[in-house]
Amino acid sequence: MPQSIKRTVLRRGDPSREEERRDLLQSLSHTRTLINQAYGGFNNASDSDLIESYVFEINSLHARYNYLLRRVKELESIT
């Protein structure tokens, strides 16, 4: 189904689904920002413990991003 049709279906569908979709997209955007900030910190870190903490943070944020993206796709496939 083309993207424009999916969006139309979502708009006419259940308002709670559209609200959930908006929340998920907002969380995706926020998570992308956090990933970029973590990479910035990683690139500027020189202490090995701090570098390790940024590696864990980046991996954690990527896992969260993948989860949110999967939820958006699941929500769009329902409609």
N, C-alpha and C. Protein backbone atom coordinates (compact mmCIF):
# COMPACT_ATOMS: atom_id res chain seq x y z
N MET A 1 0.85 -1.18 0.00
CA MET A 1 0.00 0.00 0.00
C MET A 1 0.89 1.24 0.00
N PRO A 2 0.65 2.19 -0.90
CA PRO A 2 1.46 3.40 -0.93
C PRO A 2 1.36 4.18 0.37
N GLN A 3 2.44 4.89 0.68
CA GLN A 3 2.53 5.63 1.94
C GLN A 3 1.39 6.63 2.09
N SER A 4 1.03 7.34 1.02
CA SER A 4 -0.01 8.35 1.12
C SER A 4 -1.36 7.72 1.48
N ILE A 5 -1.62 6.53 0.97
CA ILE A 5 -2.86 5.85 1.29
C ILE A 5 -2.85 5.39 2.74
N LYS A 6 -1.71 4.89 3.22
CA LYS A 6 -1.60 4.48 4.62
C LYS A 6 -1.89 5.65 5.54
N ARG A 7 -1.34 6.80 5.22
CA ARG A 7 -1.56 7.97 6.07
C ARG A 7 -3.02 8.37 6.07
N THR A 8 -3.67 8.28 4.92
CA THR A 8 -5.08 8.61 4.83
C THR A 8 -5.89 7.65 5.67
N VAL A 9 -5.56 6.37 5.58
CA VAL A 9 -6.28 5.36 6.36
C VAL A 9 -6.08 5.63 7.85
N LEU A 10 -4.86 5.96 8.26
CA LEU A 10 -4.60 6.24 9.66
C LEU A 10 -5.38 7.46 10.13
N ARG A 11 -5.48 8.46 9.30
CA ARG A 11 -6.20 9.68 9.70
C ARG A 11 -7.68 9.39 9.92
N ARG A 12 -8.23 8.52 9.11
CA ARG A 12 -9.65 8.22 9.22
C ARG A 12 -9.91 7.11 10.22
N GLY A 13 -8.85 6.45 10.66
CA GLY A 13 -8.99 5.31 11.56
C GLY A 13 -9.17 5.74 13.01
N ASP A 14 -8.83 4.85 13.86
CA ASP A 14 -8.95 5.02 15.30
C ASP A 14 -8.05 6.17 15.77
N PRO A 15 -8.63 7.19 16.41
CA PRO A 15 -7.83 8.33 16.89
C PRO A 15 -6.74 7.92 17.88
N SER A 16 -6.99 6.89 18.67
CA SER A 16 -5.97 6.47 19.63
C SER A 16 -4.76 5.88 18.92
N ARG A 17 -4.98 5.20 17.78
CA ARG A 17 -3.85 4.69 17.00
C ARG A 17 -3.04 5.82 16.40
N GLU A 18 -3.74 6.83 15.91
CA GLU A 18 -3.03 7.98 15.33
C GLU A 18 -2.23 8.70 16.41
N GLU A 19 -2.80 8.81 17.60
CA GLU A 19 -2.08 9.44 18.70
C GLU A 19 -0.85 8.60 19.09
N GLU A 20 -1.02 7.28 19.13
CA GLU A 20 0.11 6.40 19.43
C GLU A 20 1.19 6.54 18.37
N ARG A 21 0.79 6.62 17.11
CA ARG A 21 1.74 6.77 16.00
C ARG A 21 2.52 8.08 16.14
N ARG A 22 1.82 9.16 16.46
CA ARG A 22 2.48 10.46 16.66
C ARG A 22 3.47 10.38 17.81
N ASP A 23 3.07 9.75 18.90
CA ASP A 23 3.96 9.60 20.06
C ASP A 23 5.19 8.79 19.69
N LEU A 24 4.99 7.71 18.94
CA LEU A 24 6.12 6.87 18.52
C LEU A 24 7.08 7.64 17.62
N LEU A 25 6.53 8.40 16.68
CA LEU A 25 7.38 9.18 15.78
C LEU A 25 8.15 10.27 16.54
N GLN A 26 7.50 10.86 17.54
CA GLN A 26 8.18 11.86 18.36
C GLN A 26 9.30 11.19 19.17
N SER A 27 9.04 10.01 19.70
CA SER A 27 10.06 9.28 20.44
C SER A 27 11.22 8.87 19.54
N LEU A 28 10.91 8.49 18.30
CA LEU A 28 11.96 8.17 17.32
C LEU A 28 12.86 9.38 17.09
N SER A 29 12.26 10.53 16.90
CA SER A 29 13.02 11.75 16.66
C SER A 29 13.90 12.08 17.87
N HIS A 30 13.34 11.97 19.05
CA HIS A 30 14.08 12.27 20.27
C HIS A 30 15.24 11.28 20.44
N THR A 31 14.98 10.01 20.14
CA THR A 31 16.03 8.99 20.27
C THR A 31 17.15 9.24 19.27
N ARG A 32 16.80 9.67 18.05
CA ARG A 32 17.84 10.02 17.06
C ARG A 32 18.72 11.14 17.58
N THR A 33 18.10 12.14 18.22
CA THR A 33 18.86 13.24 18.80
C THR A 33 19.80 12.74 19.89
N LEU A 34 19.30 11.87 20.75
CA LEU A 34 20.13 11.31 21.82
C LEU A 34 21.28 10.47 21.26
N ILE A 35 21.03 9.73 20.19
CA ILE A 35 22.10 8.94 19.55
C ILE A 35 23.18 9.87 19.03
N ASN A 36 22.78 10.94 18.36
CA ASN A 36 23.76 11.90 17.84
C ASN A 36 24.57 12.54 18.96
N GLN A 37 23.91 12.87 20.07
CA GLN A 37 24.62 13.45 21.21
C GLN A 37 25.60 12.44 21.81
N ALA A 38 25.19 11.19 21.90
CA ALA A 38 26.07 10.16 22.46
C ALA A 38 27.29 9.96 21.57
N TYR A 39 27.09 9.97 20.24
CA TYR A 39 28.23 9.86 19.34
C TYR A 39 29.17 11.05 19.49
N GLY A 40 28.60 12.23 19.71
CA GLY A 40 29.43 13.41 19.93
C GLY A 40 30.27 13.27 21.18
N GLY A 41 29.65 12.79 22.25
CA GLY A 41 30.40 12.56 23.48
C GLY A 41 31.47 11.49 23.31
N PHE A 42 31.12 10.43 22.59
CA PHE A 42 32.07 9.36 22.33
C PHE A 42 33.29 9.89 21.56
N ASN A 43 33.03 10.70 20.56
CA ASN A 43 34.12 11.24 19.73
C ASN A 43 35.04 12.18 20.51
N ASN A 44 34.54 12.79 21.57
CA ASN A 44 35.34 13.73 22.35
C ASN A 44 35.92 13.12 23.63
N ALA A 45 35.55 11.88 23.94
CA ALA A 45 36.01 11.26 25.18
C ALA A 45 37.43 10.72 25.02
N SER A 46 38.20 10.80 26.12
CA SER A 46 39.56 10.25 26.09
C SER A 46 39.77 9.21 27.19
N ASP A 47 38.94 9.24 28.22
CA ASP A 47 39.05 8.28 29.31
C ASP A 47 38.41 6.95 28.90
N SER A 48 39.08 5.83 29.18
CA SER A 48 38.58 4.53 28.73
C SER A 48 37.23 4.17 29.37
N ASP A 49 37.02 4.54 30.63
CA ASP A 49 35.72 4.27 31.28
C ASP A 49 34.60 5.08 30.64
N LEU A 50 34.90 6.31 30.30
CA LEU A 50 33.91 7.17 29.66
C LEU A 50 33.59 6.66 28.25
N ILE A 51 34.60 6.24 27.53
CA ILE A 51 34.38 5.67 26.19
C ILE A 51 33.49 4.44 26.28
N GLU A 52 33.79 3.59 27.26
CA GLU A 52 32.98 2.38 27.44
C GLU A 52 31.52 2.73 27.76
N SER A 53 31.32 3.75 28.59
CA SER A 53 29.95 4.14 28.93
C SER A 53 29.20 4.66 27.70
N TYR A 54 29.91 5.39 26.82
CA TYR A 54 29.27 5.86 25.59
C TYR A 54 28.93 4.70 24.66
N VAL A 55 29.77 3.69 24.62
CA VAL A 55 29.48 2.51 23.79
C VAL A 55 28.20 1.84 24.27
N PHE A 56 28.06 1.66 25.59
CA PHE A 56 26.84 1.07 26.14
C PHE A 56 25.63 1.95 25.87
N GLU A 57 25.80 3.26 26.03
CA GLU A 57 24.68 4.18 25.80
C GLU A 57 24.24 4.15 24.34
N ILE A 58 25.19 4.15 23.43
CA ILE A 58 24.86 4.12 22.00
C ILE A 58 24.15 2.83 21.65
N ASN A 59 24.64 1.69 22.16
CA ASN A 59 23.99 0.41 21.90
C ASN A 59 22.57 0.38 22.47
N SER A 60 22.41 0.92 23.65
CA SER A 60 21.09 0.97 24.28
C SER A 60 20.13 1.83 23.46
N LEU A 61 20.60 2.98 23.02
CA LEU A 61 19.75 3.87 22.23
C LEU A 61 19.40 3.26 20.88
N HIS A 62 20.33 2.53 20.27
CA HIS A 62 20.02 1.84 19.01
C HIS A 62 18.96 0.77 19.22
N ALA A 63 19.03 0.06 20.34
CA ALA A 63 18.01 -0.95 20.63
C ALA A 63 16.65 -0.30 20.81
N ARG A 64 16.62 0.83 21.51
CA ARG A 64 15.37 1.56 21.70
C ARG A 64 14.83 2.07 20.35
N TYR A 65 15.70 2.61 19.53
CA TYR A 65 15.30 3.11 18.22
C TYR A 65 14.70 1.99 17.37
N ASN A 66 15.35 0.82 17.37
CA ASN A 66 14.84 -0.31 16.60
C ASN A 66 13.47 -0.77 17.10
N TYR A 67 13.30 -0.77 18.41
CA TYR A 67 12.00 -1.13 18.99
C TYR A 67 10.92 -0.15 18.53
N LEU A 68 11.19 1.14 18.64
CA LEU A 68 10.21 2.16 18.26
C LEU A 68 9.88 2.06 16.77
N LEU A 69 10.89 1.86 15.95
CA LEU A 69 10.67 1.73 14.51
C LEU A 69 9.81 0.51 14.21
N ARG A 70 10.08 -0.59 14.88
CA ARG A 70 9.28 -1.81 14.69
C ARG A 70 7.83 -1.57 15.10
N ARG A 71 7.61 -0.84 16.19
CA ARG A 71 6.23 -0.54 16.64
C ARG A 71 5.50 0.33 15.62
N VAL A 72 6.18 1.31 15.05
CA VAL A 72 5.55 2.16 14.03
C VAL A 72 5.14 1.30 12.84
N LYS A 73 6.03 0.44 12.39
CA LYS A 73 5.72 -0.43 11.25
C LYS A 73 4.57 -1.38 11.56
N GLU A 74 4.54 -1.91 12.78
CA GLU A 74 3.43 -2.79 13.17
C GLU A 74 2.12 -2.02 13.18
N LEU A 75 2.15 -0.82 13.70
CA LEU A 75 0.94 0.00 13.75
C LEU A 75 0.44 0.33 12.37
N GLU A 76 1.35 0.62 11.44
CA GLU A 76 0.95 0.95 10.07
C GLU A 76 0.45 -0.28 9.34
N SER A 77 0.92 -1.46 9.69
CA SER A 77 0.47 -2.67 8.98
C SER A 77 -0.91 -3.10 9.47
N ILE A 78 -1.32 -2.66 10.66
CA ILE A 78 -2.63 -3.00 11.19
C ILE A 78 -3.73 -2.31 10.41
N THR A 79 -3.46 -1.10 9.97
CA THR A 79 -4.49 -0.31 9.26
C THR A 79 -4.57 -0.68 7.82
